[in-house]
Protein backbone atom coordinates (compact mmCIF):
# COMPACT_ATOMS: atom_id res chain seq x y z
CA UNK A 1 3.44 -34.43 17.33
CA UNK A 2 4.59 -30.35 16.91
CA UNK A 3 2.55 -28.29 13.60
CA UNK A 4 5.87 -27.34 11.24
CA UNK A 5 5.90 -23.27 11.29
CA UNK A 6 8.67 -22.54 9.65
CA UNK A 7 7.35 -19.04 7.57
CA UNK A 8 4.31 -18.81 9.41
CA UNK A 9 3.24 -15.06 8.02
CA UNK A 10 3.54 -15.88 4.56
CA UNK A 11 2.27 -19.13 5.52
CA UNK A 12 -0.56 -18.07 7.19
CA UNK A 13 -1.78 -15.07 4.29
CA UNK A 14 -2.04 -17.83 1.37
CA UNK A 15 -3.97 -19.91 4.00
CA UNK A 16 -6.17 -16.84 4.62
CA UNK A 17 -6.19 -15.20 0.85
CA UNK A 18 -7.70 -18.63 -0.52
CA UNK A 19 -9.89 -19.25 2.64
CA UNK A 20 -11.52 -15.78 1.99
CA UNK A 21 -11.85 -16.94 -2.00
CA UNK A 22 -13.54 -20.01 -1.38
CA UNK A 23 -15.79 -18.83 1.68
CA UNK A 24 -15.79 -14.88 2.14
CA UNK A 25 -13.52 -12.29 4.31
CA UNK A 26 -17.29 -12.35 6.94
CA UNK A 27 -17.30 -16.34 7.50
CA UNK A 28 -13.77 -17.70 7.63
CA UNK A 29 -12.71 -17.43 11.30
CA UNK A 30 -8.99 -17.38 12.22
CA UNK A 31 -8.58 -20.76 13.60
CA UNK A 32 -9.36 -21.73 10.37
CA UNK A 33 -7.01 -20.71 8.95
CA UNK A 34 -4.16 -21.17 11.38
CA UNK A 35 -5.47 -24.94 10.21
CA UNK A 36 -4.87 -24.28 6.91
CA UNK A 37 -1.75 -22.99 6.88
CA UNK A 38 -1.25 -25.69 8.95
CA UNK A 39 0.13 -24.11 12.67
CA UNK A 40 -1.71 -23.82 15.82
CA UNK A 41 -3.45 -20.41 16.64
CA UNK A 42 -1.05 -19.15 19.45
CA UNK A 43 0.73 -18.80 16.11
CA UNK A 44 -1.16 -17.14 14.27
CA UNK A 45 -1.65 -14.63 17.15
CA UNK A 46 2.05 -13.96 17.52
CA UNK A 47 1.75 -12.88 14.14
CA UNK A 48 -0.95 -10.64 13.59
CA UNK A 49 -3.60 -9.33 15.87
CA UNK A 50 -7.51 -10.11 13.99
CA UNK A 51 -7.89 -11.82 10.75
CA UNK A 52 -7.78 -8.40 8.52
CA UNK A 53 -4.37 -7.63 10.00
CA UNK A 54 -3.63 -10.78 7.45
CA UNK A 55 -4.18 -8.43 4.89
CA UNK A 56 -3.42 -5.02 6.59
CA UNK A 57 0.10 -5.16 7.99
CA UNK A 58 2.23 -2.13 7.46
CA UNK A 59 5.19 -1.84 9.98
CA UNK A 60 7.64 -2.58 6.92
CA UNK A 61 6.30 -0.38 4.34
CA UNK A 62 6.20 2.56 6.72
CA UNK A 63 9.77 1.80 7.55
CA UNK A 64 11.09 1.67 4.25
CA UNK A 65 8.82 4.73 3.80
CA UNK A 66 10.52 6.93 7.02
CA UNK A 67 14.11 5.53 6.00
CA UNK A 68 13.58 6.58 2.67
CA UNK A 69 12.54 10.77 3.85
CA UNK A 70 15.25 10.39 6.09
CA UNK A 71 17.91 9.37 3.66
CA UNK A 72 17.30 11.57 0.70
CA UNK A 73 19.68 14.37 -0.02
CA UNK A 74 19.35 17.45 1.35
CA UNK A 75 18.68 19.72 -0.93
CA UNK A 76 15.80 17.85 -2.29
CA UNK A 77 12.69 19.31 -2.78
CA UNK A 78 9.30 18.03 -0.72
CA UNK A 79 8.18 15.65 -3.67
CA UNK A 80 11.32 15.03 -5.35
CA UNK A 81 12.33 13.58 -1.53
CA UNK A 82 8.17 11.58 -1.68
CA UNK A 83 8.90 10.19 -4.77
CA UNK A 84 11.95 8.44 -4.25
CA UNK A 85 10.80 7.13 -1.36
CA UNK A 86 7.50 5.80 -2.31
CA UNK A 87 9.70 4.92 -5.05
CA UNK A 88 11.26 2.57 -2.84
CA UNK A 89 8.61 1.09 -0.92
CA UNK A 90 6.79 0.32 -5.06
CA UNK A 91 10.55 -1.34 -5.32
CA UNK A 92 10.43 -3.26 -2.08
CA UNK A 93 6.31 -4.91 -2.86
CA UNK A 94 5.08 -3.99 -6.35
CA UNK A 95 7.67 -7.08 -7.18
CA UNK A 96 6.38 -9.31 -10.34
CA UNK A 97 6.68 -12.25 -8.17
CA UNK A 98 4.14 -10.60 -5.07
CA UNK A 99 2.12 -9.19 -7.93
CA UNK A 100 -0.43 -12.16 -8.17
CA UNK A 101 -0.43 -12.34 -4.42
CA UNK A 102 -1.27 -8.77 -4.69
CA UNK A 103 -3.93 -9.50 -7.00
CA UNK A 104 -5.87 -11.77 -4.83
CA UNK A 105 -5.61 -9.22 -1.39
CA UNK A 106 -6.88 -6.51 -3.44
CA UNK A 107 -10.34 -8.59 -4.81
CA UNK A 108 -10.92 -9.48 -1.14
CA UNK A 109 -11.07 -5.66 -0.03
CA UNK A 110 -12.60 -4.42 -2.82
CA UNK A 111 -15.59 -6.92 -1.90
CA UNK A 112 -15.37 -6.27 1.66
CA UNK A 113 -16.86 -2.54 2.38
CA UNK A 114 -15.10 -3.04 6.10
CA UNK A 115 -11.87 -3.59 4.44
CA UNK A 116 -12.18 -1.02 1.87
CA UNK A 117 -12.53 1.19 5.38
CA UNK A 118 -9.32 -0.23 7.17
CA UNK A 119 -7.38 0.24 3.79
CA UNK A 120 -8.63 3.83 3.45
CA UNK A 121 -7.59 3.86 7.05
CA UNK A 122 -3.99 2.08 6.43
CA UNK A 123 -3.17 4.31 4.26
CA UNK A 124 -4.30 7.58 5.71
CA UNK A 125 -0.97 6.35 8.55
CA UNK A 126 1.20 5.34 6.09
CA UNK A 127 0.58 9.60 5.00
CA UNK A 128 0.92 10.69 8.36
CA UNK A 129 4.37 9.06 9.02
CA UNK A 130 5.30 10.54 5.67
CA UNK A 131 4.62 13.94 6.88
CA UNK A 132 6.08 13.48 10.20
CA UNK A 133 9.61 12.39 8.45
CA UNK A 134 9.61 14.91 6.34
CA UNK A 135 8.61 17.81 9.06
CA UNK A 136 11.77 16.43 10.58
CA UNK A 137 14.18 17.54 7.91
CA UNK A 138 12.81 20.99 8.64
CA UNK A 139 9.65 21.08 5.94
CA UNK A 140 6.69 23.08 6.63
CA UNK A 141 3.62 21.43 8.73
CA UNK A 142 2.06 22.58 5.33
CA UNK A 143 4.36 21.60 2.79
CA UNK A 144 5.41 17.87 4.16
CA UNK A 145 1.32 17.21 4.03
CA UNK A 146 0.81 18.36 0.45
CA UNK A 147 3.43 15.88 -0.75
CA UNK A 148 2.72 13.73 1.60
CA UNK A 149 -0.87 12.98 0.27
CA UNK A 150 0.72 13.31 -3.43
CA UNK A 151 2.82 10.14 -2.59
CA UNK A 152 0.18 8.39 -0.72
CA UNK A 153 -2.08 8.85 -3.95
CA UNK A 154 0.12 8.12 -6.52
CA UNK A 155 1.28 5.16 -4.58
CA UNK A 156 -2.43 4.38 -4.64
CA UNK A 157 -2.90 4.77 -8.18
CA UNK A 158 0.25 2.96 -8.91
CA UNK A 159 -0.74 -0.49 -6.65
CA UNK A 160 -3.94 -0.90 -8.03
CA UNK A 161 -3.19 -1.04 -11.32
CA UNK A 162 -0.16 -3.70 -10.25
CA UNK A 163 -2.54 -5.06 -8.82
CA UNK A 164 -4.76 -5.10 -11.68
CA UNK A 165 -4.69 -8.85 -13.57
CA UNK A 166 -6.06 -7.61 -17.03
CA UNK A 167 -3.22 -4.16 -17.42
CA UNK A 168 0.28 -5.67 -18.82
CA UNK A 169 1.44 -3.16 -15.78
CA UNK A 170 5.77 -2.77 -15.09
CA UNK A 171 5.70 -2.81 -11.85
CA UNK A 172 8.85 -0.74 -11.82
CA UNK A 173 8.20 2.45 -13.70
CA UNK A 174 4.39 2.20 -12.31
CA UNK A 175 5.13 4.92 -9.26
CA UNK A 176 7.49 6.94 -11.16
CA UNK A 177 4.77 7.00 -13.55
CA UNK A 178 1.61 7.98 -11.56
CA UNK A 179 3.85 10.56 -9.97
CA UNK A 180 4.28 12.04 -13.08
CA UNK A 181 0.56 12.18 -14.02
CA UNK A 182 0.17 13.63 -10.90
CA UNK A 183 2.03 16.87 -11.47
CA UNK A 184 0.75 17.22 -14.96
CA UNK A 185 -3.27 17.24 -13.51
CA UNK A 186 -1.42 19.27 -10.68
CA UNK A 187 -0.57 21.75 -13.12
CA UNK A 188 -3.03 21.06 -14.85
CA UNK A 189 -5.81 22.14 -12.22
CA UNK A 190 -3.75 25.60 -11.36
CA UNK A 191 -3.65 26.82 -14.68
CA UNK A 192 -7.28 25.36 -15.83
CA UNK A 193 -5.39 23.36 -18.79
CA UNK A 194 -6.60 20.19 -19.81
CA UNK A 195 -8.99 20.53 -18.54
CA UNK A 196 -11.50 17.91 -20.66
CA UNK A 197 -14.43 20.17 -20.44
CA UNK A 198 -15.14 23.55 -22.45
CA UNK A 199 -16.76 26.58 -20.71
CA UNK A 200 -20.03 27.46 -23.18
CA UNK A 201 -21.16 30.28 -20.52
């Protein structure tokens, strides 16, 4: 009897997270994930290259970021453009209904150095996508890189807070709050104000 394969990607993600929590990432196989999800091994590989990609599929987020950068007003400043892009990504991905899943994913990655490295590479790739999109708007490469790096860091901060089950996070404001905090920190770093230590020399 053929297996039911509706919503296969979502089923595979949930199955993988269950198995990673039960047996650990390293002790879980693709076959076990497919069986838990009620799909075939070939169906798994139609959606994901390997078991890591269950946690790291990024094509959709990249599309959201790049499209939002392209759609920003022509007179917007580079950081404003990036802020609107990552706010759009936050509205799409950092939602209340996704939060429990995000917390489980976060916990799996935090427990595995290999996955932490993959998460860092994913962030670098998304940052590079934003840099390219900004340059296509005519922004010079250095400015584009600084804006994209700040935006990427803001999204990482927002994501970590959103995925933290101990926080009462209002996800709709997390991205903007992180950007505001980074702007204040950057200003303090440039002016020397706001330091948490005193110079006793």
